[in-house]
Amino acid sequence: MYLQSAAGGSPVSLFFFLAIFAVMYFFFLRPQVKKQKAQDQFVSEIKGGNTIVTSSGIIGKISKVEKNSITIITDNKTHLQVLHSAISKELTENYLKAKNPVSK
């Protein structure tokens, strides 16, 4: 009976391992990094008067931008203070598209 040693890998198994890593990188890691960079840029560019949507679905207009938080107005007298990380680029863009559809 022939037994192969687990320690002695063949070039095919090394290639297979590298191919799996490449697939994981291009289909999972790289898109997430690009999405996170776009989210960070969106949050860094917000200013007073912009309408935003939080990750929990709260819609409001920014009244004050601070170092770690943002104050939004959701109603005439309702002010909420949320963290920068609570603002969702994706939800904000979808809300603004639905609110102002482009007519052709």
N, C-alpha and C. Protein backbone atom coordinates (compact mmCIF):
# COMPACT_ATOMS: atom_id res chain seq x y z
N MET A 1 0.84 -1.17 0.00
CA MET A 1 0.00 0.00 0.00
C MET A 1 0.90 1.25 0.00
N TYR A 2 0.54 2.24 -0.81
CA TYR A 2 1.34 3.45 -0.94
C TYR A 2 0.68 4.58 -0.17
N LEU A 3 1.44 5.26 0.62
CA LEU A 3 0.95 6.41 1.38
C LEU A 3 1.75 7.64 0.98
N GLN A 4 1.03 8.74 0.76
CA GLN A 4 1.73 9.98 0.43
C GLN A 4 1.97 10.76 1.72
N SER A 5 3.07 11.41 1.77
CA SER A 5 3.39 12.22 2.93
C SER A 5 2.62 13.53 2.85
N ALA A 6 2.03 13.93 3.96
CA ALA A 6 1.28 15.18 4.00
C ALA A 6 2.22 16.38 4.00
N ALA A 7 3.43 16.20 4.49
CA ALA A 7 4.37 17.31 4.57
C ALA A 7 4.94 17.67 3.19
N GLY A 8 5.10 16.71 2.33
CA GLY A 8 5.67 16.97 1.02
C GLY A 8 4.58 17.35 0.03
N GLY A 9 4.35 18.65 -0.18
CA GLY A 9 3.30 19.11 -1.08
C GLY A 9 3.79 19.14 -2.51
N SER A 10 2.90 18.91 -3.40
CA SER A 10 3.25 18.97 -4.81
C SER A 10 2.96 20.37 -5.34
N PRO A 11 3.54 20.73 -6.46
CA PRO A 11 3.28 22.05 -7.05
C PRO A 11 1.79 22.24 -7.40
N VAL A 12 1.09 21.17 -7.68
CA VAL A 12 -0.33 21.28 -8.01
C VAL A 12 -1.12 21.74 -6.80
N SER A 13 -0.81 21.19 -5.64
CA SER A 13 -1.54 21.60 -4.44
C SER A 13 -1.20 23.04 -4.06
N LEU A 14 0.03 23.46 -4.27
CA LEU A 14 0.41 24.85 -4.02
C LEU A 14 -0.33 25.78 -4.98
N PHE A 15 -0.40 25.40 -6.24
CA PHE A 15 -1.15 26.20 -7.22
C PHE A 15 -2.62 26.28 -6.83
N PHE A 16 -3.19 25.17 -6.39
CA PHE A 16 -4.60 25.15 -5.98
C PHE A 16 -4.84 26.09 -4.80
N PHE A 17 -3.94 26.07 -3.83
CA PHE A 17 -4.05 26.96 -2.68
C PHE A 17 -3.98 28.42 -3.10
N LEU A 18 -3.03 28.76 -3.97
CA LEU A 18 -2.90 30.13 -4.46
C LEU A 18 -4.11 30.56 -5.29
N ALA A 19 -4.65 29.64 -6.07
CA ALA A 19 -5.84 29.96 -6.87
C ALA A 19 -7.04 30.25 -5.97
N ILE A 20 -7.20 29.49 -4.91
CA ILE A 20 -8.30 29.74 -3.96
C ILE A 20 -8.11 31.10 -3.30
N PHE A 21 -6.88 31.42 -2.90
CA PHE A 21 -6.62 32.72 -2.29
C PHE A 21 -6.92 33.86 -3.27
N ALA A 22 -6.53 33.70 -4.54
CA ALA A 22 -6.80 34.74 -5.54
C ALA A 22 -8.30 34.94 -5.75
N VAL A 23 -9.05 33.86 -5.80
CA VAL A 23 -10.50 33.96 -5.96
C VAL A 23 -11.12 34.67 -4.75
N MET A 24 -10.68 34.30 -3.56
CA MET A 24 -11.19 34.94 -2.35
C MET A 24 -10.88 36.44 -2.37
N TYR A 25 -9.68 36.80 -2.79
CA TYR A 25 -9.29 38.20 -2.82
C TYR A 25 -10.13 38.99 -3.82
N PHE A 26 -10.25 38.51 -5.04
CA PHE A 26 -10.93 39.29 -6.08
C PHE A 26 -12.44 39.30 -5.94
N PHE A 27 -13.04 38.27 -5.34
CA PHE A 27 -14.49 38.23 -5.24
C PHE A 27 -15.03 38.64 -3.88
N PHE A 28 -14.20 38.61 -2.84
CA PHE A 28 -14.70 38.94 -1.51
C PHE A 28 -13.98 40.12 -0.87
N LEU A 29 -12.69 40.08 -0.78
CA LEU A 29 -11.94 41.11 -0.07
C LEU A 29 -11.87 42.43 -0.83
N ARG A 30 -11.51 42.40 -2.07
CA ARG A 30 -11.34 43.62 -2.85
C ARG A 30 -12.62 44.44 -2.97
N PRO A 31 -13.77 43.84 -3.28
CA PRO A 31 -15.00 44.65 -3.32
C PRO A 31 -15.37 45.26 -1.97
N GLN A 32 -15.11 44.55 -0.88
CA GLN A 32 -15.41 45.09 0.44
C GLN A 32 -14.52 46.28 0.77
N VAL A 33 -13.25 46.21 0.39
CA VAL A 33 -12.33 47.31 0.65
C VAL A 33 -12.75 48.53 -0.16
N LYS A 34 -13.13 48.33 -1.42
CA LYS A 34 -13.59 49.44 -2.26
C LYS A 34 -14.86 50.06 -1.70
N LYS A 35 -15.78 49.22 -1.22
CA LYS A 35 -17.03 49.72 -0.66
C LYS A 35 -16.76 50.52 0.62
N GLN A 36 -15.86 50.04 1.45
CA GLN A 36 -15.54 50.74 2.69
C GLN A 36 -14.86 52.08 2.41
N LYS A 37 -13.99 52.14 1.41
CA LYS A 37 -13.35 53.41 1.04
C LYS A 37 -14.38 54.41 0.55
N ALA A 38 -15.35 53.96 -0.24
CA ALA A 38 -16.40 54.85 -0.73
C ALA A 38 -17.26 55.35 0.43
N GLN A 39 -17.56 54.48 1.40
CA GLN A 39 -18.33 54.87 2.57
C GLN A 39 -17.57 55.91 3.40
N ASP A 40 -16.28 55.69 3.61
CA ASP A 40 -15.46 56.63 4.38
C ASP A 40 -15.38 57.98 3.69
N GLN A 41 -15.24 57.98 2.37
CA GLN A 41 -15.19 59.24 1.63
C GLN A 41 -16.53 59.96 1.72
N PHE A 42 -17.63 59.23 1.62
CA PHE A 42 -18.96 59.82 1.71
C PHE A 42 -19.15 60.49 3.07
N VAL A 43 -18.76 59.83 4.12
CA VAL A 43 -18.93 60.38 5.47
C VAL A 43 -18.03 61.60 5.68
N SER A 44 -16.83 61.57 5.12
CA SER A 44 -15.92 62.70 5.30
C SER A 44 -16.37 63.93 4.52
N GLU A 45 -17.17 63.76 3.48
CA GLU A 45 -17.60 64.88 2.64
C GLU A 45 -18.95 65.47 3.04
N ILE A 46 -19.62 64.91 4.03
CA ILE A 46 -20.93 65.45 4.39
C ILE A 46 -20.78 66.78 5.10
N LYS A 47 -21.80 67.61 4.94
CA LYS A 47 -21.79 68.93 5.57
C LYS A 47 -23.21 69.30 5.95
N GLY A 48 -23.34 70.38 6.68
CA GLY A 48 -24.65 70.83 7.13
C GLY A 48 -25.60 71.08 5.98
N GLY A 49 -26.84 70.68 6.16
CA GLY A 49 -27.86 70.87 5.14
C GLY A 49 -28.10 69.65 4.28
N ASN A 50 -27.18 68.71 4.26
CA ASN A 50 -27.36 67.48 3.48
C ASN A 50 -28.41 66.59 4.13
N THR A 51 -29.18 65.91 3.31
CA THR A 51 -30.12 64.91 3.80
C THR A 51 -29.42 63.57 3.80
N ILE A 52 -29.55 62.84 4.93
CA ILE A 52 -28.89 61.55 5.06
C ILE A 52 -29.87 60.52 5.61
N VAL A 53 -29.49 59.26 5.46
CA VAL A 53 -30.25 58.15 6.03
C VAL A 53 -29.27 57.34 6.87
N THR A 54 -29.66 57.03 8.11
CA THR A 54 -28.79 56.23 8.96
C THR A 54 -28.97 54.75 8.63
N SER A 55 -28.09 53.93 9.16
CA SER A 55 -28.17 52.50 8.89
C SER A 55 -29.41 51.87 9.50
N SER A 56 -30.03 52.55 10.47
CA SER A 56 -31.27 52.04 11.04
C SER A 56 -32.50 52.60 10.33
N GLY A 57 -32.30 53.44 9.32
CA GLY A 57 -33.41 53.93 8.52
C GLY A 57 -33.95 55.29 8.92
N ILE A 58 -33.29 56.00 9.79
CA ILE A 58 -33.73 57.34 10.19
C ILE A 58 -33.29 58.34 9.14
N ILE A 59 -34.24 59.14 8.66
CA ILE A 59 -33.97 60.13 7.63
C ILE A 59 -33.94 61.50 8.30
N GLY A 60 -32.92 62.28 7.99
CA GLY A 60 -32.83 63.61 8.58
C GLY A 60 -31.91 64.51 7.80
N LYS A 61 -31.95 65.79 8.17
CA LYS A 61 -31.09 66.79 7.56
C LYS A 61 -30.02 67.16 8.58
N ILE A 62 -28.79 67.24 8.13
CA ILE A 62 -27.67 67.51 9.02
C ILE A 62 -27.71 68.97 9.46
N SER A 63 -27.64 69.17 10.78
CA SER A 63 -27.59 70.54 11.29
C SER A 63 -26.21 70.89 11.83
N LYS A 64 -25.47 69.90 12.34
CA LYS A 64 -24.14 70.18 12.88
C LYS A 64 -23.26 68.95 12.74
N VAL A 65 -22.05 69.18 12.26
CA VAL A 65 -21.07 68.10 12.13
C VAL A 65 -19.99 68.33 13.17
N GLU A 66 -19.79 67.34 14.03
CA GLU A 66 -18.76 67.41 15.05
C GLU A 66 -17.69 66.38 14.74
N LYS A 67 -16.70 66.28 15.63
CA LYS A 67 -15.58 65.37 15.39
C LYS A 67 -16.03 63.92 15.34
N ASN A 68 -16.81 63.47 16.31
CA ASN A 68 -17.21 62.07 16.39
C ASN A 68 -18.68 61.83 16.10
N SER A 69 -19.46 62.87 16.02
CA SER A 69 -20.90 62.69 15.85
C SER A 69 -21.48 63.76 14.93
N ILE A 70 -22.72 63.52 14.56
CA ILE A 70 -23.45 64.44 13.69
C ILE A 70 -24.82 64.65 14.30
N THR A 71 -25.28 65.87 14.31
CA THR A 71 -26.63 66.17 14.78
C THR A 71 -27.53 66.33 13.57
N ILE A 72 -28.62 65.57 13.55
CA ILE A 72 -29.56 65.65 12.44
C ILE A 72 -30.92 66.11 12.95
N ILE A 73 -31.66 66.77 12.09
CA ILE A 73 -33.02 67.21 12.40
C ILE A 73 -33.96 66.28 11.64
N THR A 74 -34.84 65.59 12.38
CA THR A 74 -35.78 64.68 11.74
C THR A 74 -37.16 65.29 11.63
N ASP A 75 -37.45 66.28 12.45
CA ASP A 75 -38.73 66.98 12.45
C ASP A 75 -38.42 68.43 12.81
N ASN A 76 -39.42 69.27 12.92
CA ASN A 76 -39.18 70.67 13.22
C ASN A 76 -38.38 70.87 14.51
N LYS A 77 -38.69 70.11 15.55
CA LYS A 77 -38.03 70.31 16.84
C LYS A 77 -37.31 69.06 17.34
N THR A 78 -37.14 68.08 16.50
CA THR A 78 -36.51 66.83 16.92
C THR A 78 -35.08 66.78 16.39
N HIS A 79 -34.14 66.80 17.31
CA HIS A 79 -32.72 66.72 16.96
C HIS A 79 -32.18 65.41 17.50
N LEU A 80 -31.45 64.69 16.65
CA LEU A 80 -30.82 63.43 17.04
C LEU A 80 -29.33 63.55 16.82
N GLN A 81 -28.57 62.99 17.75
CA GLN A 81 -27.12 62.96 17.60
C GLN A 81 -26.73 61.52 17.29
N VAL A 82 -26.08 61.33 16.14
CA VAL A 82 -25.67 59.99 15.71
C VAL A 82 -24.17 59.98 15.43
N LEU A 83 -23.59 58.81 15.46
CA LEU A 83 -22.18 58.65 15.14
C LEU A 83 -21.99 58.67 13.63
N HIS A 84 -20.78 59.01 13.22
CA HIS A 84 -20.46 58.99 11.78
C HIS A 84 -20.68 57.60 11.19
N SER A 85 -20.39 56.58 11.96
CA SER A 85 -20.52 55.22 11.45
C SER A 85 -21.97 54.80 11.24
N ALA A 86 -22.93 55.57 11.76
CA ALA A 86 -24.34 55.23 11.60
C ALA A 86 -24.89 55.70 10.26
N ILE A 87 -24.16 56.53 9.55
CA ILE A 87 -24.64 57.05 8.27
C ILE A 87 -24.35 56.04 7.18
N SER A 88 -25.36 55.77 6.36
CA SER A 88 -25.23 54.78 5.30
C SER A 88 -25.23 55.46 3.94
N LYS A 89 -24.14 55.31 3.21
CA LYS A 89 -24.03 55.87 1.86
C LYS A 89 -25.06 55.22 0.94
N GLU A 90 -25.15 53.90 1.01
CA GLU A 90 -26.04 53.16 0.13
C GLU A 90 -27.50 53.54 0.36
N LEU A 91 -27.94 53.59 1.62
CA LEU A 91 -29.32 53.95 1.91
C LEU A 91 -29.62 55.40 1.54
N THR A 92 -28.65 56.29 1.77
CA THR A 92 -28.84 57.70 1.43
C THR A 92 -28.99 57.87 -0.07
N GLU A 93 -28.14 57.21 -0.84
CA GLU A 93 -28.24 57.33 -2.31
C GLU A 93 -29.55 56.76 -2.82
N ASN A 94 -29.97 55.62 -2.29
CA ASN A 94 -31.24 55.03 -2.72
C ASN A 94 -32.42 55.92 -2.36
N TYR A 95 -32.39 56.52 -1.18
CA TYR A 95 -33.47 57.41 -0.76
C TYR A 95 -33.54 58.65 -1.66
N LEU A 96 -32.39 59.24 -1.96
CA LEU A 96 -32.38 60.44 -2.79
C LEU A 96 -32.81 60.13 -4.23
N LYS A 97 -32.45 58.93 -4.74
CA LYS A 97 -32.91 58.53 -6.07
C LYS A 97 -34.42 58.35 -6.10
N ALA A 98 -34.97 57.74 -5.05
CA ALA A 98 -36.42 57.50 -5.01
C ALA A 98 -37.17 58.81 -4.82
N LYS A 99 -36.58 59.74 -4.08
CA LYS A 99 -37.25 61.01 -3.81
C LYS A 99 -37.23 61.93 -5.04
N ASN A 100 -36.14 61.91 -5.78
CA ASN A 100 -35.97 62.77 -6.95
C ASN A 100 -35.68 61.93 -8.19
N PRO A 101 -36.68 61.23 -8.74
CA PRO A 101 -36.39 60.42 -9.92
C PRO A 101 -36.06 61.31 -11.13
N VAL A 102 -35.13 60.84 -11.92
CA VAL A 102 -34.72 61.57 -13.11
C VAL A 102 -35.73 61.27 -14.23
N SER A 103 -36.35 62.33 -14.73
CA SER A 103 -37.33 62.13 -15.82
C SER A 103 -36.64 62.34 -17.15
N LYS A 104 -37.00 61.54 -18.13
CA LYS A 104 -36.41 61.63 -19.45
C LYS A 104 -37.36 62.25 -20.42
